C-alpha atoms as a PDB file:
ATOM      1  CA  MET A   1      -9.430  11.802  -8.265  1.00  0.00           C
ATOM      2  CA  SER A   2     -10.083   9.530  -5.311  1.00  0.00           C
ATOM      3  CA  GLU A   3     -12.600   6.806  -6.247  1.00  0.00           C
ATOM      4  CA  ILE A   4     -11.238   3.698  -7.985  1.00  0.00           C
ATOM      5  CA  SER A   5     -13.265   1.048  -9.826  1.00  0.00           C
ATOM      6  CA  ILE A   6     -11.523  -2.156 -10.894  1.00  0.00           C
ATOM      7  CA  GLU A   7     -13.727  -3.982 -13.369  1.00  0.00           C
ATOM      8  CA  ASN A   8     -13.047  -7.588 -14.401  1.00  0.00           C
ATOM      9  CA  VAL A   9      -9.287  -7.001 -14.631  1.00  0.00           C
ATOM     10  CA  THR A  10      -7.089  -9.817 -15.915  1.00  0.00           C
ATOM     11  CA  PHE A  11      -3.303  -9.659 -16.279  1.00  0.00           C
ATOM     12  CA  SER A  12      -0.428 -11.999 -17.121  1.00  0.00           C
ATOM     13  CA  TYR A  13       3.287 -11.477 -17.685  1.00  0.00           C
ATOM     14  CA  THR A  14       3.503 -14.554 -19.933  1.00  0.00           C
ATOM     15  CA  GLU A  15       0.927 -16.362 -22.058  1.00  0.00           C
ATOM     16  CA  ASP A  16       1.005 -19.537 -19.966  1.00  0.00           C
ATOM     17  CA  GLU A  17       0.622 -18.016 -16.475  1.00  0.00           C
ATOM     18  CA  VAL A  18      -2.258 -15.731 -15.511  1.00  0.00           C
ATOM     19  CA  ILE A  19      -1.438 -13.649 -12.432  1.00  0.00           C
ATOM     20  CA  ILE A  20      -4.742 -11.823 -11.921  1.00  0.00           C
ATOM     21  CA  ASP A  21      -7.978 -13.249 -13.281  1.00  0.00           C
ATOM     22  CA  GLY A  22     -11.189 -11.220 -13.307  1.00  0.00           C
ATOM     23  CA  VAL A  23     -10.659  -8.965 -10.282  1.00  0.00           C
ATOM     24  CA  ASN A  24     -13.564  -6.668  -9.402  1.00  0.00           C
ATOM     25  CA  LEU A  25     -13.170  -4.088  -6.666  1.00  0.00           C
ATOM     26  CA  LYS A  26     -14.692  -0.740  -5.717  1.00  0.00           C
ATOM     27  CA  ILE A  27     -12.606   1.657  -3.618  1.00  0.00           C
ATOM     28  CA  GLU A  28     -14.486   4.691  -2.336  1.00  0.00           C
ATOM     29  CA  SER A  29     -13.093   8.167  -1.747  1.00  0.00           C
ATOM     30  CA  GLY A  30     -11.396   8.348   1.660  1.00  0.00           C
ATOM     31  CA  ASP A  31     -11.044   4.576   2.060  1.00  0.00           C
ATOM     32  CA  PHE A  32      -7.980   2.985   3.626  1.00  0.00           C
ATOM     33  CA  VAL A  33      -8.014  -0.383   1.850  1.00  0.00           C
ATOM     34  CA  CYS A  34      -5.563  -3.131   2.754  1.00  0.00           C
ATOM     35  CA  VAL A  35      -5.106  -5.764   0.060  1.00  0.00           C
ATOM     36  CA  LEU A  36      -4.157  -8.941   1.874  1.00  0.00           C
ATOM     37  CA  GLY A  37      -2.823 -12.209   0.535  1.00  0.00           C
ATOM     38  CA  GLN A  38      -0.005 -14.713   0.393  1.00  0.00           C
ATOM     39  CA  SER A  39       3.345 -13.565  -1.028  1.00  0.00           C
ATOM     40  CA  GLY A  40       3.347 -14.019  -4.791  1.00  0.00           C
ATOM     41  CA  CYS A  41      -0.429 -13.932  -5.235  1.00  0.00           C
ATOM     42  CA  GLY A  42      -0.434 -10.778  -7.373  1.00  0.00           C
ATOM     43  CA  LYS A  43      -0.968  -8.003  -4.803  1.00  0.00           C
ATOM     44  CA  SER A  44       1.899  -5.853  -6.053  1.00  0.00           C
ATOM     45  CA  THR A  45       0.886  -6.516  -9.653  1.00  0.00           C
ATOM     46  CA  LEU A  46      -2.594  -5.191  -8.875  1.00  0.00           C
ATOM     47  CA  LEU A  47      -1.055  -2.069  -7.324  1.00  0.00           C
ATOM     48  CA  ARG A  48       1.055  -1.488 -10.440  1.00  0.00           C
ATOM     49  CA  LEU A  49      -2.042  -1.823 -12.598  1.00  0.00           C
ATOM     50  CA  ILE A  50      -3.824   0.799 -10.481  1.00  0.00           C
ATOM     51  CA  ALA A  51      -0.776   3.074 -10.757  1.00  0.00           C
ATOM     52  CA  GLY A  52      -0.764   2.712 -14.554  1.00  0.00           C
ATOM     53  CA  LEU A  53       2.688   1.110 -14.590  1.00  0.00           C
ATOM     54  CA  ARG A  54       1.116  -1.921 -16.297  1.00  0.00           C
ATOM     55  CA  LYS A  55      -1.985  -2.313 -18.432  1.00  0.00           C
ATOM     56  CA  PRO A  56      -4.532  -5.120 -17.988  1.00  0.00           C
ATOM     57  CA  GLN A  57      -5.074  -7.570 -20.841  1.00  0.00           C
ATOM     58  CA  LYS A  58      -8.793  -7.534 -20.047  1.00  0.00           C
ATOM     59  CA  GLY A  59     -11.064  -5.276 -18.047  1.00  0.00           C
ATOM     60  CA  ARG A  60     -10.485  -1.692 -17.047  1.00  0.00           C
ATOM     61  CA  ILE A  61      -9.594   0.560 -14.114  1.00  0.00           C
ATOM     62  CA  LEU A  62     -11.604   3.743 -13.678  1.00  0.00           C
ATOM     63  CA  PHE A  63     -10.761   6.818 -11.618  1.00  0.00           C
ATOM     64  CA  ASP A  64     -13.869   8.765 -10.666  1.00  0.00           C
ATOM     65  CA  GLY A  65     -15.666   6.982 -13.511  1.00  0.00           C
ATOM     66  CA  LYS A  66     -13.049   7.776 -16.167  1.00  0.00           C
ATOM     67  CA  GLU A  67     -10.464   5.500 -17.761  1.00  0.00           C
ATOM     68  CA  ARG A  68      -6.866   6.677 -17.829  1.00  0.00           C
ATOM     69  CA  GLU A  69      -4.457   5.878 -20.629  1.00  0.00           C
ATOM     70  CA  GLU A  70      -1.300   6.896 -18.770  1.00  0.00           C
ATOM     71  CA  THR A  71       0.001   7.075 -15.223  1.00  0.00           C
ATOM     72  CA  ALA A  72      -2.248   9.476 -13.354  1.00  0.00           C
ATOM     73  CA  PRO A  73      -0.373  12.543 -12.025  1.00  0.00           C
ATOM     74  CA  ASP A  74      -2.448  12.638  -8.838  1.00  0.00           C
ATOM     75  CA  LEU A  75      -1.299   9.217  -7.663  1.00  0.00           C
ATOM     76  CA  GLY A  76       1.443   8.787  -5.091  1.00  0.00           C
ATOM     77  CA  VAL A  77       3.296   5.477  -4.810  1.00  0.00           C
ATOM     78  CA  VAL A  78       5.471   4.237  -1.946  1.00  0.00           C
ATOM     79  CA  PHE A  79       7.437   1.090  -2.774  1.00  0.00           C
ATOM     80  CA  GLN A  80       9.203  -1.231  -0.356  1.00  0.00           C
ATOM     81  CA  ASP A  81      12.630  -0.298  -1.753  1.00  0.00           C
ATOM     82  CA  TYR A  82      12.289   3.467  -0.986  1.00  0.00           C
ATOM     83  CA  SER A  83      13.023   4.545  -4.626  1.00  0.00           C
ATOM     84  CA  LEU A  84      15.414   7.389  -3.727  1.00  0.00           C
ATOM     85  CA  PHE A  85      18.130   8.526  -6.146  1.00  0.00           C
ATOM     86  CA  PRO A  86      21.434   7.730  -4.329  1.00  0.00           C
ATOM     87  CA  TRP A  87      23.318  10.654  -5.914  1.00  0.00           C
ATOM     88  CA  PHE A  88      20.926  13.276  -4.500  1.00  0.00           C
ATOM     89  CA  SER A  89      20.384  14.227  -0.875  1.00  0.00           C
ATOM     90  CA  ALA A  90      17.236  12.946   0.824  1.00  0.00           C
ATOM     91  CA  GLY A  91      15.691  16.410   0.771  1.00  0.00           C
ATOM     92  CA  TYR A  92      16.512  17.100  -2.858  1.00  0.00           C
ATOM     93  CA  ASN A  93      14.973  13.762  -3.846  1.00  0.00           C
ATOM     94  CA  ILE A  94      11.662  15.148  -2.594  1.00  0.00           C
ATOM     95  CA  VAL A  95      12.169  18.650  -4.019  1.00  0.00           C
ATOM     96  CA  LEU A  96      12.939  17.125  -7.417  1.00  0.00           C
ATOM     97  CA  ALA A  97       9.573  15.347  -7.447  1.00  0.00           C
ATOM     98  CA  MET A  98       7.752  18.453  -6.232  1.00  0.00           C
ATOM     99  CA  LYS A  99       9.226  20.628  -8.990  1.00  0.00           C
ATOM    100  CA  GLN A 100       7.226  18.654 -11.544  1.00  0.00           C
ATOM    101  CA  LYS A 101       3.938  19.390  -9.793  1.00  0.00           C
ATOM    102  CA  TYR A 102       4.671  22.894  -8.510  1.00  0.00           C
ATOM    103  CA  PRO A 103       6.878  24.548 -11.173  1.00  0.00           C
ATOM    104  CA  GLU A 104       5.806  28.007  -9.976  1.00  0.00           C
ATOM    105  CA  LYS A 105       7.313  27.525  -6.491  1.00  0.00           C
ATOM    106  CA  SER A 106      10.916  28.427  -5.697  1.00  0.00           C
ATOM    107  CA  LYS A 107      13.418  25.933  -4.340  1.00  0.00           C
ATOM    108  CA  LYS A 108      13.265  27.757  -0.987  1.00  0.00           C
ATOM    109  CA  GLU A 109       9.476  27.366  -0.846  1.00  0.00           C
ATOM    110  CA  LEU A 110       9.678  23.688  -1.735  1.00  0.00           C
ATOM    111  CA  LYS A 111      12.362  23.079   0.882  1.00  0.00           C
ATOM    112  CA  SER A 112      10.159  24.693   3.529  1.00  0.00           C
ATOM    113  CA  ILE A 113       7.290  22.343   2.620  1.00  0.00           C
ATOM    114  CA  VAL A 114       9.611  19.326   2.766  1.00  0.00           C
ATOM    115  CA  LEU A 115      10.905  20.299   6.205  1.00  0.00           C
ATOM    116  CA  ASP A 116       7.336  20.629   7.482  1.00  0.00           C
ATOM    117  CA  TYR A 117       6.633  17.053   6.374  1.00  0.00           C
ATOM    118  CA  PHE A 118       9.918  15.884   7.891  1.00  0.00           C
ATOM    119  CA  GLU A 119       8.578  17.120  11.215  1.00  0.00           C
ATOM    120  CA  GLU A 120       5.275  15.295  10.591  1.00  0.00           C
ATOM    121  CA  VAL A 121       7.032  11.932  10.180  1.00  0.00           C
ATOM    122  CA  GLY A 122       9.580  12.467  12.935  1.00  0.00           C
ATOM    123  CA  LEU A 123      12.683  13.238  10.851  1.00  0.00           C
ATOM    124  CA  ASP A 124      15.314  15.720  11.983  1.00  0.00           C
ATOM    125  CA  LYS A 125      15.862  18.684   9.654  1.00  0.00           C
ATOM    126  CA  GLN A 126      19.510  17.632   9.259  1.00  0.00           C
ATOM    127  CA  VAL A 127      18.303  14.612   7.256  1.00  0.00           C
ATOM    128  CA  TYR A 128      17.492  17.005   4.383  1.00  0.00           C
ATOM    129  CA  ASN A 129      21.186  17.244   3.409  1.00  0.00           C
ATOM    130  CA  LYS A 130      22.089  13.609   4.033  1.00  0.00           C
ATOM    131  CA  TYR A 131      22.385  11.052   1.230  1.00  0.00           C
ATOM    132  CA  PRO A 132      20.275   7.875   1.234  1.00  0.00           C
ATOM    133  CA  PHE A 133      23.281   5.656   2.075  1.00  0.00           C
ATOM    134  CA  GLU A 134      23.745   7.667   5.277  1.00  0.00           C
ATOM    135  CA  LEU A 135      20.230   6.871   6.492  1.00  0.00           C
ATOM    136  CA  SER A 136      18.719   3.798   8.103  1.00  0.00           C
ATOM    137  CA  GLY A 137      16.010   1.829   6.310  1.00  0.00           C
ATOM    138  CA  GLY A 138      13.332   3.394   8.472  1.00  0.00           C
ATOM    139  CA  MET A 139      14.577   6.919   7.748  1.00  0.00           C
ATOM    140  CA  ARG A 140      14.704   6.257   4.000  1.00  0.00           C
ATOM    141  CA  GLN A 141      11.151   4.947   4.103  1.00  0.00           C
ATOM    142  CA  ARG A 142       9.994   8.043   5.977  1.00  0.00           C
ATOM    143  CA  CYS A 143      11.577  10.136   3.224  1.00  0.00           C
ATOM    144  CA  ALA A 144       9.648   8.123   0.624  1.00  0.00           C
ATOM    145  CA  ILE A 145       6.420   8.722   2.560  1.00  0.00           C
ATOM    146  CA  CYS A 146       7.280  12.425   2.867  1.00  0.00           C
ATOM    147  CA  ARG A 147       7.688  12.638  -0.904  1.00  0.00           C
ATOM    148  CA  SER A 148       4.211  11.234  -1.509  1.00  0.00           C
ATOM    149  CA  LEU A 149       2.636  13.409   1.188  1.00  0.00           C
ATOM    150  CA  ALA A 150       4.375  16.572  -0.037  1.00  0.00           C
ATOM    151  CA  LEU A 151       2.921  15.995  -3.512  1.00  0.00           C
ATOM    152  CA  ASN A 152      -0.516  15.994  -1.840  1.00  0.00           C
ATOM    153  CA  ASN A 153      -1.881  13.241  -4.074  1.00  0.00           C
ATOM    154  CA  SER A 154      -5.518  12.310  -3.627  1.00  0.00           C
ATOM    155  CA  VAL A 155      -4.624   8.609  -3.937  1.00  0.00           C
ATOM    156  CA  LEU A 156      -1.701   6.985  -2.128  1.00  0.00           C
ATOM    157  CA  LEU A 157      -0.584   3.496  -3.166  1.00  0.00           C
ATOM    158  CA  MET A 158       1.705   1.672  -0.724  1.00  0.00           C
ATOM    159  CA  ASP A 159       3.369  -1.625  -1.650  1.00  0.00           C
ATOM    160  CA  GLU A 160       4.357  -3.437   1.577  1.00  0.00           C
ATOM    161  CA  PRO A 161       6.234  -0.277   2.600  1.00  0.00           C
ATOM    162  CA  PHE A 162       7.193  -1.520   6.074  1.00  0.00           C
ATOM    163  CA  GLY A 163       7.910  -5.172   5.297  1.00  0.00           C
ATOM    164  CA  ALA A 164      11.700  -4.916   5.548  1.00  0.00           C
ATOM    165  CA  LEU A 165      11.797  -2.812   8.733  1.00  0.00           C
ATOM    166  CA  ASP A 166      12.345  -3.808  12.351  1.00  0.00           C
ATOM    167  CA  ALA A 167       9.269  -4.148  14.556  1.00  0.00           C
ATOM    168  CA  VAL A 168       9.683  -0.851  16.421  1.00  0.00           C
ATOM    169  CA  THR A 169      10.252   1.252  13.283  1.00  0.00           C
ATOM    170  CA  ARG A 170       7.417  -0.542  11.528  1.00  0.00           C
ATOM    171  CA  ALA A 171       4.996   0.224  14.367  1.00  0.00           C
ATOM    172  CA  ARG A 172       6.021   3.881  14.407  1.00  0.00           C
ATOM    173  CA  LEU A 173       5.511   4.262  10.651  1.00  0.00           C
ATOM    174  CA  GLN A 174       2.157   2.474  10.819  1.00  0.00           C
ATOM    175  CA  ASP A 175       1.022   4.994  13.434  1.00  0.00           C
ATOM    176  CA  ILE A 176       2.353   7.937  11.408  1.00  0.00           C
ATOM    177  CA  THR A 177       0.586   6.735   8.262  1.00  0.00           C
ATOM    178  CA  MET A 178      -2.692   6.292  10.121  1.00  0.00           C
ATOM    179  CA  ASP A 179      -2.461   9.721  11.782  1.00  0.00           C
ATOM    180  CA  LEU A 180      -1.728  11.490   8.493  1.00  0.00           C
ATOM    181  CA  TRP A 181      -4.570   9.662   6.708  1.00  0.00           C
ATOM    182  CA  LYS A 182      -7.047  10.651   9.423  1.00  0.00           C
ATOM    183  CA  LYS A 183      -6.054  14.322   9.026  1.00  0.00           C
ATOM    184  CA  GLU A 184      -6.865  14.236   5.301  1.00  0.00           C
ATOM    185  CA  LYS A 185     -10.403  12.863   5.102  1.00  0.00           C
ATOM    186  CA  ASP A 186     -10.549  12.675   1.303  1.00  0.00           C
ATOM    187  CA  LYS A 187      -7.245  10.855   0.781  1.00  0.00           C
ATOM    188  CA  THR A 188      -7.665   7.304  -0.520  1.00  0.00           C
ATOM    189  CA  VAL A 189      -5.023   4.747   0.483  1.00  0.00           C
ATOM    190  CA  VAL A 190      -4.450   1.320  -1.081  1.00  0.00           C
ATOM    191  CA  PHE A 191      -1.999  -0.586   1.101  1.00  0.00           C
ATOM    192  CA  ILE A 192      -0.500  -3.954   0.116  1.00  0.00           C
ATOM    193  CA  THR A 193       0.381  -6.371   2.912  1.00  0.00           C
ATOM    194  CA  HIS A 194       0.616 -10.075   3.729  1.00  0.00           C
ATOM    195  CA  ASP A 195       0.252  -9.377   7.462  1.00  0.00           C
ATOM    196  CA  VAL A 196      -3.250  -9.923   8.873  1.00  0.00           C
ATOM    197  CA  ASP A 197      -2.571  -7.894  12.025  1.00  0.00           C
ATOM    198  CA  GLU A 198      -1.273  -4.947  10.003  1.00  0.00           C
ATOM    199  CA  ALA A 199      -4.400  -4.997   7.833  1.00  0.00           C
ATOM    200  CA  ILE A 200      -6.706  -5.041  10.873  1.00  0.00           C
ATOM    201  CA  LEU A 201      -4.768  -2.224  12.537  1.00  0.00           C
ATOM    202  CA  LEU A 202      -4.736   0.113   9.527  1.00  0.00           C
ATOM    203  CA  ALA A 203      -7.686  -0.528   7.227  1.00  0.00           C
ATOM    204  CA  ASN A 204     -11.311   0.425   7.190  1.00  0.00           C
ATOM    205  CA  LYS A 205     -11.714  -2.158   4.383  1.00  0.00           C
ATOM    206  CA  ILE A 206      -9.792  -5.411   3.889  1.00  0.00           C
ATOM    207  CA  VAL A 207      -9.681  -7.218   0.543  1.00  0.00           C
ATOM    208  CA  VAL A 208      -8.269 -10.753   0.376  1.00  0.00           C
ATOM    209  CA  LEU A 209      -6.737 -12.066  -2.838  1.00  0.00           C
ATOM    210  CA  GLY A 210      -6.474 -15.816  -3.357  1.00  0.00           C
ATOM    211  CA  LEU A 211      -3.536 -17.695  -4.794  1.00  0.00           C
ATOM    212  CA  LYS A 212      -2.842 -17.022  -8.458  1.00  0.00           C
ATOM    213  CA  PRO A 213      -4.561 -16.843 -10.812  1.00  0.00           C
ATOM    214  CA  SER A 214      -5.720 -14.352  -8.244  1.00  0.00           C
ATOM    215  CA  ARG A 215      -9.282 -13.248  -7.564  1.00  0.00           C
ATOM    216  CA  VAL A 216     -10.958 -11.411  -4.706  1.00  0.00           C
ATOM    217  CA  ILE A 217     -12.031 -14.225  -2.381  1.00  0.00           C
ATOM    218  CA  TYR A 218     -13.180 -12.176   0.608  1.00  0.00           C
ATOM    219  CA  GLN A 219     -13.904  -8.591   1.659  1.00  0.00           C
ATOM    220  CA  TYR A 220     -14.468  -7.125   5.091  1.00  0.00           C
ATOM    221  CA  GLU A 221     -15.544  -3.575   5.931  1.00  0.00           C
ATOM    222  CA  PHE A 222     -15.343  -2.142   9.440  1.00  0.00           C
ATOM    223  CA  ARG A 223     -18.438  -0.226  10.505  1.00  0.00           C
ATOM    224  CA  ASP A 224     -17.595   2.769  12.695  1.00  0.00           C
ATOM    225  CA  LYS A 225     -14.170   1.319  13.364  1.00  0.00           C
ATOM    226  CA  LYS A 226     -12.734   2.164  16.758  1.00  0.00           C
ATOM    227  CA  ALA A 227      -9.072   2.923  17.255  1.00  0.00           C
ATOM    228  CA  LEU A 228      -7.256  -0.306  18.088  1.00  0.00           C
ATOM    229  CA  SER A 229      -4.112  -0.857  20.094  1.00  0.00           C
ATOM    230  CA  ARG A 230      -1.830  -3.654  18.934  1.00  0.00           C
ATOM    231  CA  SER A 231      -2.612  -5.705  22.027  1.00  0.00           C
ATOM    232  CA  GLU A 232      -6.362  -5.496  21.346  1.00  0.00           C
ATOM    233  CA  ILE A 233      -5.921  -7.310  18.039  1.00  0.00           C
ATOM    234  CA  VAL A 234      -5.285 -10.500  20.007  1.00  0.00           C
ATOM    235  CA  THR A 235      -7.316  -9.711  23.167  1.00  0.00           C
ATOM    236  CA  ASP A 236     -10.489  -7.911  22.038  1.00  0.00           C
ATOM    237  CA  GLN A 237     -13.158 -10.571  21.397  1.00  0.00           C
ATOM    238  CA  GLU A 238     -14.737  -8.925  18.355  1.00  0.00           C
ATOM    239  CA  THR A 239     -11.375  -8.177  16.752  1.00  0.00           C
ATOM    240  CA  MET A 240     -10.146 -11.707  17.452  1.00  0.00           C
ATOM    241  CA  LYS A 241     -13.138 -13.074  15.523  1.00  0.00           C
ATOM    242  CA  ILE A 242     -12.274 -10.900  12.529  1.00  0.00           C
ATOM    243  CA  ARG A 243      -8.633 -11.999  12.722  1.00  0.00           C
ATOM    244  CA  SER A 244      -9.591 -15.672  12.985  1.00  0.00           C
ATOM    245  CA  ASN A 245     -11.952 -15.368  10.024  1.00  0.00           C
ATOM    246  CA  LEU A 246      -9.302 -13.737   7.830  1.00  0.00           C
ATOM    247  CA  LEU A 247      -6.768 -16.438   8.675  1.00  0.00           C
ATOM    248  CA  SER A 248      -9.374 -19.128   7.980  1.00  0.00           C
ATOM    249  CA  VAL A 249     -10.125 -17.658   4.551  1.00  0.00           C
ATOM    250  CA  LEU A 250      -6.429 -17.594   3.662  1.00  0.00           C
ATOM    251  CA  ASN A 251      -5.780 -21.120   4.941  1.00  0.00           C
ATOM    252  CA  MET A 252      -8.866 -22.551   3.234  1.00  0.00           C
ATOM    253  CA  ASP A 253      -7.697 -21.126  -0.099  1.00  0.00           C
ATOM    254  CA  ILE A 254      -4.330 -22.841   0.328  1.00  0.00           C
ATOM    255  CA  GLU A 255      -5.937 -26.142   1.312  1.00  0.00           C
ATOM    256  CA  GLN A 256      -8.272 -26.062  -1.697  1.00  0.00           C
ATOM    257  CA  ARG A 257      -5.350 -25.458  -4.052  1.00  0.00           C
ATOM    258  CA  ILE A 258      -3.435 -28.365  -2.526  1.00  0.00           C
ATOM    259  CA  THR A 259      -6.468 -30.610  -2.964  1.00  0.00           C
ATOM    260  CA  GLN A 260      -6.781 -29.501  -6.587  1.00  0.00           C
ATOM    261  CA  GLY A 261      -3.095 -30.223  -7.124  1.00  0.00           C
ATOM    262  CA  ASP A 262      -2.091 -26.756  -8.346  1.00  0.00           C
ATOM    263  CA  PHE A 263      -0.164 -25.521  -5.293  1.00  0.00           C
ATOM    264  CA  LYS A 264       3.509 -25.224  -6.251  1.00  0.00           C
ATOM    265  CA  GLU A 265       5.145 -23.895  -3.102  1.00  0.00           C
ATOM    266  CA  SER A 266       7.302 -26.291  -1.094  1.00  0.00           C
ATOM    267  CA  SER A 267       5.696 -25.445   2.240  1.00  0.00           C
ATOM    268  CA  LEU A 268       2.762 -23.593   3.760  1.00  0.00           C
ATOM    269  CA  LEU A 269       3.112 -20.208   5.349  1.00  0.00           C
ATOM    270  CA  SER A 270       2.487 -19.965   9.054  1.00  0.00           C
ATOM    271  CA  ASN A 271      -0.288 -17.701  10.320  1.00  0.00           C
ATOM    272  CA  ASN A 272       2.007 -14.853  11.267  1.00  0.00           C
ATOM    273  CA  GLN A 273       3.483 -14.868   7.726  1.00  0.00           C
ATOM    274  CA  LEU A 274       0.050 -14.644   6.165  1.00  0.00           C
END
C-alpha cells in the first residue's frame, strides 16, 4: 500500500465547527508530500484521518484504490511528542512494536535490526538500554523515527516531528529523513509542517491548506527536483520564486478571511512562522 486518494473528505469534532471541508488530494507511490498551512488549520487532523485514527463524516480515503475500515497495519506514524512508553527502554519500545509485525523473529533478531537503524539515524548503541527520560528530545525523536523505519511501512506519516527541536538537531533529522526516503524509492511520506522552508527542502510535492474550514488552496510539484542546500532556499532565484509564491498564497488566505470577518486569531503569523 503506497498510493493514497483523499476524496471530498469533510470532518468536524463538533457540530458547529467544521475543521476540514471537502478536501481532495492524490498522493502517488513514492511521493514525499509536505502538507503546509497555518497552525490550527487542520493539518494534523488530516493526518489522523489518513492514519485511520479518525473517520471522516463525508468522503472517503482510499489506499491503492481500496477503502479501509480500520487503521492500516502498513502505516507508520511519527508524532511530535515521540510516543515512547516511559517504563520501557528506548530499544525495547521499538522491539515491542516490531513483535506485532514480525512474531516469527526472536528478540535477538529484532534487537539486531533495531541497532542497525540506530546506526542509520546516528544513535549510539548504548541508547538501546536507556529510558526515554534519559534522552534528549532529538534522541527520543530519532528513536521514534527508528521505530517507523524498522517496521518497514510503505507509508510514513509525520506530524511536525521536528517542530520542538533546536535548529541544529532539526536540520540533522531533516537530512536523515531525506536520505532514508531516497534509499527506499517506493516509500510514500506525508509530512505535516507550518514551515515553508522545511517544505521546500524536503518535499517533491507541497500541498497548502487554507484556514479552517480547511480546503486545499494550492499545490506545487517539483519537476526533476535538484538537491537543495538550506542557503539556496533564500539565494537560488528559482527557489526564491517558489518560496515567495507559497508565502503569498498563505498570506492572501489570511487577508481574505480578515476581510470576510471570520478570522479569530488575535494576530497574524510572521512569514517565518508560516
